[in-house]
Amino acid sequence: MVQEYKEGEPGPSTVALAQQKGIPIEEAVKRYEWQTPFSQAVSAVEEAMPDAYASSEITGHFTASVKFAGDVPAGAAEYFKAIPEHVDVELIGGAARALVPLRAEMEALFHKVNKDPGVEQALGWVDTDIGVIRIKVKLRVSTKSAQSDLRAKVAAYKADGSRTPVDLTFTDKSLGRT
């Protein structure tokens, strides 16, 4: 269910933002109150269209975009009817892959990489625009040989027929908490 936008009814976080940014509450309402129903609409689209939804982004105070794999599905615009008219939500087709299946593929591969005894830390994410899985790894002992070994293991993990490209990169820096 998408929350109806109610112009002029600021939430507590909007009031705090207005004070922090030194703008009138009315301006803060116009700039920020639409973002919650937008996020809810995006979640509904992702759930209803998992093989089409690719990504979304708030691009400015009054602009946002939603990308889809292939063409924009019929009915996608209906999910964004609760967004006020002063906000431009652009629906864009042409992403290489949908998020849900690409993320599932990445998670399966990531868990195998992350459990490898030579891996100290790893981060994984996807790029739906070009349809690639990205994994950054900090090895326990970083040598060319250890990197080659992990690349070979990733290729073996993908032996199930996946044609999704994997961008495996290595770093000597901490990746934070993983």
C-alpha atoms as a PDB file:
ATOM      1  CA  MET A   1       0.000   0.000   0.000  1.00  0.00           C
ATOM      2  CA  VAL A   2       1.418   3.367  -0.995  1.00  0.00           C
ATOM      3  CA  GLN A   3       1.015   6.189   1.500  1.00  0.00           C
ATOM      4  CA  GLU A   4      -0.933   9.130   0.144  1.00  0.00           C
ATOM      5  CA  TYR A   5       1.091  12.343   0.003  1.00  0.00           C
ATOM      6  CA  LYS A   6      -0.531  15.007   2.183  1.00  0.00           C
ATOM      7  CA  GLU A   7       0.880  18.392   1.362  1.00  0.00           C
ATOM      8  CA  GLY A   8       1.241  20.681   4.360  1.00  0.00           C
ATOM      9  CA  GLU A   9       1.431  17.938   6.997  1.00  0.00           C
ATOM     10  CA  PRO A  10       5.104  17.725   7.954  1.00  0.00           C
ATOM     11  CA  GLY A  11       6.500  14.708   9.715  1.00  0.00           C
ATOM     12  CA  PRO A  12       9.017  15.140  12.555  1.00  0.00           C
ATOM     13  CA  SER A  13      12.003  14.393  10.322  1.00  0.00           C
ATOM     14  CA  THR A  14      10.836  17.015   7.816  1.00  0.00           C
ATOM     15  CA  VAL A  15      10.598  19.632  10.565  1.00  0.00           C
ATOM     16  CA  ALA A  16      14.121  18.704  11.700  1.00  0.00           C
ATOM     17  CA  LEU A  17      15.415  18.953   8.106  1.00  0.00           C
ATOM     18  CA  ALA A  18      13.807  22.385   7.704  1.00  0.00           C
ATOM     19  CA  GLN A  19      15.533  23.594  10.852  1.00  0.00           C
ATOM     20  CA  GLN A  20      18.859  22.011   9.880  1.00  0.00           C
ATOM     21  CA  LYS A  21      18.800  23.482   6.370  1.00  0.00           C
ATOM     22  CA  GLY A  22      17.344  26.823   7.433  1.00  0.00           C
ATOM     23  CA  ILE A  23      14.364  26.607   5.069  1.00  0.00           C
ATOM     24  CA  PRO A  24      10.664  27.148   5.746  1.00  0.00           C
ATOM     25  CA  ILE A  25       8.730  24.052   6.798  1.00  0.00           C
ATOM     26  CA  GLU A  26       6.476  24.438   3.725  1.00  0.00           C
ATOM     27  CA  GLU A  27       9.534  24.188   1.453  1.00  0.00           C
ATOM     28  CA  ALA A  28      10.832  21.161   3.360  1.00  0.00           C
ATOM     29  CA  VAL A  29       7.431  19.475   2.993  1.00  0.00           C
ATOM     30  CA  LYS A  30       7.472  20.118  -0.747  1.00  0.00           C
ATOM     31  CA  ARG A  31      11.069  18.840  -1.087  1.00  0.00           C
ATOM     32  CA  TYR A  32      11.013  15.775   1.159  1.00  0.00           C
ATOM     33  CA  GLU A  33       7.544  14.501   2.096  1.00  0.00           C
ATOM     34  CA  TRP A  34       7.061  12.831  -1.327  1.00  0.00           C
ATOM     35  CA  GLN A  35      10.097  10.607  -0.790  1.00  0.00           C
ATOM     36  CA  THR A  36       8.362   8.150   1.564  1.00  0.00           C
ATOM     37  CA  PRO A  37       5.497   7.363  -0.819  1.00  0.00           C
ATOM     38  CA  PHE A  38       8.064   7.167  -3.643  1.00  0.00           C
ATOM     39  CA  SER A  39      10.079   4.568  -1.692  1.00  0.00           C
ATOM     40  CA  GLN A  40       6.888   2.641  -0.924  1.00  0.00           C
ATOM     41  CA  ALA A  41       5.907   2.687  -4.607  1.00  0.00           C
ATOM     42  CA  VAL A  42       9.364   1.426  -5.575  1.00  0.00           C
ATOM     43  CA  SER A  43       9.056  -1.435  -3.059  1.00  0.00           C
ATOM     44  CA  ALA A  44       5.641  -2.322  -4.473  1.00  0.00           C
ATOM     45  CA  VAL A  45       7.018  -2.305  -8.038  1.00  0.00           C
ATOM     46  CA  GLU A  46       9.965  -4.498  -7.033  1.00  0.00           C
ATOM     47  CA  GLU A  47       7.588  -6.982  -5.401  1.00  0.00           C
ATOM     48  CA  ALA A  48       5.051  -6.963  -8.243  1.00  0.00           C
ATOM     49  CA  MET A  49       7.565  -6.914 -11.107  1.00  0.00           C
ATOM     50  CA  PRO A  50      10.693  -8.748  -9.852  1.00  0.00           C
ATOM     51  CA  ASP A  51      11.793  -9.751 -13.339  1.00  0.00           C
ATOM     52  CA  ALA A  52      11.557  -6.171 -14.613  1.00  0.00           C
ATOM     53  CA  TYR A  53      12.511  -3.737 -11.809  1.00  0.00           C
ATOM     54  CA  ALA A  54      16.212  -2.824 -11.986  1.00  0.00           C
ATOM     55  CA  SER A  55      16.883   0.252  -9.814  1.00  0.00           C
ATOM     56  CA  SER A  56      15.623   3.596  -8.580  1.00  0.00           C
ATOM     57  CA  GLU A  57      17.155   6.873  -7.564  1.00  0.00           C
ATOM     58  CA  ILE A  58      16.061  10.187  -6.093  1.00  0.00           C
ATOM     59  CA  THR A  59      17.936  12.509  -8.430  1.00  0.00           C
ATOM     60  CA  GLY A  60      16.971  15.925  -7.038  1.00  0.00           C
ATOM     61  CA  HIS A  61      14.560  17.775  -4.765  1.00  0.00           C
ATOM     62  CA  PHE A  62      11.703  17.143  -7.194  1.00  0.00           C
ATOM     63  CA  THR A  63      12.998  14.380  -9.480  1.00  0.00           C
ATOM     64  CA  ALA A  64      13.458  10.623  -9.365  1.00  0.00           C
ATOM     65  CA  SER A  65      13.959   7.784 -11.788  1.00  0.00           C
ATOM     66  CA  VAL A  66      13.021   4.123 -11.878  1.00  0.00           C
ATOM     67  CA  LYS A  67      14.814   1.768 -14.274  1.00  0.00           C
ATOM     68  CA  PHE A  68      13.566  -1.487 -15.719  1.00  0.00           C
ATOM     69  CA  ALA A  69      15.232  -4.347 -17.545  1.00  0.00           C
ATOM     70  CA  GLY A  70      13.990  -4.266 -21.113  1.00  0.00           C
ATOM     71  CA  ASP A  71      10.955  -2.090 -21.725  1.00  0.00           C
ATOM     72  CA  VAL A  72       9.014  -0.246 -19.023  1.00  0.00           C
ATOM     73  CA  PRO A  73       6.249  -2.707 -18.082  1.00  0.00           C
ATOM     74  CA  ALA A  74       2.626  -1.841 -18.740  1.00  0.00           C
ATOM     75  CA  GLY A  75       1.074  -0.641 -15.501  1.00  0.00           C
ATOM     76  CA  ALA A  76       4.328   0.550 -13.913  1.00  0.00           C
ATOM     77  CA  ALA A  77       3.197   4.200 -13.913  1.00  0.00           C
ATOM     78  CA  GLU A  78       0.131   3.282 -11.834  1.00  0.00           C
ATOM     79  CA  TYR A  79       2.352   2.681  -8.813  1.00  0.00           C
ATOM     80  CA  PHE A  80       3.495   6.306  -8.818  1.00  0.00           C
ATOM     81  CA  LYS A  81       0.099   8.043  -8.996  1.00  0.00           C
ATOM     82  CA  ALA A  82       0.325   8.992  -5.286  1.00  0.00           C
ATOM     83  CA  ILE A  83       3.406  11.125  -5.983  1.00  0.00           C
ATOM     84  CA  PRO A  84       2.532  14.841  -6.181  1.00  0.00           C
ATOM     85  CA  GLU A  85       2.495  16.568  -9.556  1.00  0.00           C
ATOM     86  CA  HIS A  86       5.439  18.849  -8.713  1.00  0.00           C
ATOM     87  CA  VAL A  87       7.676  15.742  -8.664  1.00  0.00           C
ATOM     88  CA  ASP A  88       8.900  14.247 -11.941  1.00  0.00           C
ATOM     89  CA  VAL A  89       9.299  10.465 -11.760  1.00  0.00           C
ATOM     90  CA  GLU A  90      10.933   9.191 -14.939  1.00  0.00           C
ATOM     91  CA  LEU A  91      10.354   5.534 -15.839  1.00  0.00           C
ATOM     92  CA  ILE A  92      13.242   4.250 -17.942  1.00  0.00           C
ATOM     93  CA  GLY A  93      13.664   0.976 -19.817  1.00  0.00           C
ATOM     94  CA  GLY A  94      16.882  -0.538 -21.061  1.00  0.00           C
ATOM     95  CA  ALA A  95      18.718  -1.784 -17.968  1.00  0.00           C
ATOM     96  CA  ALA A  96      20.638  -4.956 -18.767  1.00  0.00           C
ATOM     97  CA  ARG A  97      19.224  -7.016 -15.870  1.00  0.00           C
ATOM     98  CA  ALA A  98      16.456  -6.939 -13.282  1.00  0.00           C
ATOM     99  CA  LEU A  99      17.610  -6.498  -9.680  1.00  0.00           C
ATOM    100  CA  VAL A 100      15.961  -9.479  -7.968  1.00  0.00           C
ATOM    101  CA  PRO A 101      17.401 -12.303 -10.111  1.00  0.00           C
ATOM    102  CA  LEU A 102      20.792 -10.592 -10.462  1.00  0.00           C
ATOM    103  CA  ARG A 103      21.004 -10.010  -6.694  1.00  0.00           C
ATOM    104  CA  ALA A 104      20.083 -13.664  -6.010  1.00  0.00           C
ATOM    105  CA  GLU A 105      22.850 -14.811  -8.340  1.00  0.00           C
ATOM    106  CA  MET A 106      25.322 -12.426  -6.693  1.00  0.00           C
ATOM    107  CA  GLU A 107      24.381 -13.582  -3.185  1.00  0.00           C
ATOM    108  CA  ALA A 108      24.928 -17.243  -4.052  1.00  0.00           C
ATOM    109  CA  LEU A 109      28.344 -16.488  -5.553  1.00  0.00           C
ATOM    110  CA  PHE A 110      29.264 -14.020  -2.797  1.00  0.00           C
ATOM    111  CA  HIS A 111      28.611 -16.560  -0.029  1.00  0.00           C
ATOM    112  CA  LYS A 112      30.921 -19.061  -1.714  1.00  0.00           C
ATOM    113  CA  VAL A 113      33.656 -16.435  -2.113  1.00  0.00           C
ATOM    114  CA  ASN A 114      33.230 -15.104   1.419  1.00  0.00           C
ATOM    115  CA  LYS A 115      33.544 -18.625   2.908  1.00  0.00           C
ATOM    116  CA  ASP A 116      36.796 -19.303   1.076  1.00  0.00           C
ATOM    117  CA  PRO A 117      39.577 -19.797   3.677  1.00  0.00           C
ATOM    118  CA  GLY A 118      41.880 -17.394   1.815  1.00  0.00           C
ATOM    119  CA  VAL A 119      39.367 -14.524   2.018  1.00  0.00           C
ATOM    120  CA  GLU A 120      39.604 -12.165   4.986  1.00  0.00           C
ATOM    121  CA  GLN A 121      36.801  -9.803   3.913  1.00  0.00           C
ATOM    122  CA  ALA A 122      34.525  -9.420   0.926  1.00  0.00           C
ATOM    123  CA  LEU A 123      31.850  -7.053  -0.357  1.00  0.00           C
ATOM    124  CA  GLY A 124      29.410  -7.842  -3.128  1.00  0.00           C
ATOM    125  CA  TRP A 125      26.962  -5.754  -5.144  1.00  0.00           C
ATOM    126  CA  VAL A 126      25.340  -5.679  -8.565  1.00  0.00           C
ATOM    127  CA  ASP A 127      25.167  -3.225 -11.440  1.00  0.00           C
ATOM    128  CA  THR A 128      21.806  -3.710 -13.153  1.00  0.00           C
ATOM    129  CA  ASP A 129      22.583  -1.128 -15.848  1.00  0.00           C
ATOM    130  CA  ILE A 130      25.229  -3.364 -17.396  1.00  0.00           C
ATOM    131  CA  GLY A 131      24.252  -6.677 -15.765  1.00  0.00           C
ATOM    132  CA  VAL A 132      27.408  -7.424 -13.815  1.00  0.00           C
ATOM    133  CA  ILE A 133      28.181  -8.849 -10.370  1.00  0.00           C
ATOM    134  CA  ARG A 134      30.906  -6.972  -8.504  1.00  0.00           C
ATOM    135  CA  ILE A 135      32.869  -8.529  -5.651  1.00  0.00           C
ATOM    136  CA  LYS A 136      35.740  -6.809  -3.848  1.00  0.00           C
ATOM    137  CA  VAL A 137      37.997  -9.027  -1.755  1.00  0.00           C
ATOM    138  CA  LYS A 138      40.694  -8.554   0.843  1.00  0.00           C
ATOM    139  CA  LEU A 139      42.735 -11.759   0.973  1.00  0.00           C
ATOM    140  CA  ARG A 140      44.392 -13.027   4.165  1.00  0.00           C
ATOM    141  CA  VAL A 141      47.658 -13.241   2.231  1.00  0.00           C
ATOM    142  CA  SER A 142      47.541 -11.193  -0.934  1.00  0.00           C
ATOM    143  CA  THR A 143      49.763 -12.654  -3.614  1.00  0.00           C
ATOM    144  CA  LYS A 144      49.322 -12.973  -7.376  1.00  0.00           C
ATOM    145  CA  SER A 145      49.011 -16.724  -6.878  1.00  0.00           C
ATOM    146  CA  ALA A 146      46.251 -16.340  -4.257  1.00  0.00           C
ATOM    147  CA  GLN A 147      44.390 -13.942  -6.562  1.00  0.00           C
ATOM    148  CA  SER A 148      44.683 -16.386  -9.483  1.00  0.00           C
ATOM    149  CA  ASP A 149      43.466 -19.226  -7.270  1.00  0.00           C
ATOM    150  CA  LEU A 150      40.370 -17.272  -6.211  1.00  0.00           C
ATOM    151  CA  ARG A 151      39.648 -16.231  -9.818  1.00  0.00           C
ATOM    152  CA  ALA A 152      39.759 -19.918 -10.808  1.00  0.00           C
ATOM    153  CA  LYS A 153      37.406 -20.810  -7.937  1.00  0.00           C
ATOM    154  CA  VAL A 154      34.957 -18.087  -9.025  1.00  0.00           C
ATOM    155  CA  ALA A 155      35.024 -19.481 -12.562  1.00  0.00           C
ATOM    156  CA  ALA A 156      34.337 -22.959 -11.137  1.00  0.00           C
ATOM    157  CA  TYR A 157      31.504 -21.630  -8.955  1.00  0.00           C
ATOM    158  CA  LYS A 158      29.949 -20.181 -12.104  1.00  0.00           C
ATOM    159  CA  ALA A 159      30.186 -23.524 -13.919  1.00  0.00           C
ATOM    160  CA  ASP A 160      26.416 -23.923 -13.490  1.00  0.00           C
ATOM    161  CA  GLY A 161      25.987 -22.152 -16.827  1.00  0.00           C
ATOM    162  CA  SER A 162      25.729 -18.577 -15.600  1.00  0.00           C
ATOM    163  CA  ARG A 163      26.831 -16.110 -18.239  1.00  0.00           C
ATOM    164  CA  THR A 164      26.698 -13.132 -15.898  1.00  0.00           C
ATOM    165  CA  PRO A 165      30.032 -11.289 -15.883  1.00  0.00           C
ATOM    166  CA  VAL A 166      31.794 -11.064 -12.530  1.00  0.00           C
ATOM    167  CA  ASP A 167      34.089  -8.144 -11.757  1.00  0.00           C
ATOM    168  CA  LEU A 168      36.350  -9.568  -9.046  1.00  0.00           C
ATOM    169  CA  THR A 169      38.749  -7.001  -7.616  1.00  0.00           C
ATOM    170  CA  PHE A 170      41.289  -7.190  -4.826  1.00  0.00           C
ATOM    171  CA  THR A 171      42.345  -4.698  -2.186  1.00  0.00           C
ATOM    172  CA  ASP A 172      44.797  -4.590   0.692  1.00  0.00           C
ATOM    173  CA  LYS A 173      42.580  -2.132   2.588  1.00  0.00           C
ATOM    174  CA  SER A 174      39.943  -3.068   5.145  1.00  0.00           C
ATOM    175  CA  LEU A 175      36.434  -3.307   3.739  1.00  0.00           C
ATOM    176  CA  GLY A 176      34.854  -2.336   7.027  1.00  0.00           C
ATOM    177  CA  ARG A 177      32.549  -4.687   8.899  1.00  0.00           C
ATOM    178  CA  THR A 178      31.536  -7.648   6.769  1.00  0.00           C
END
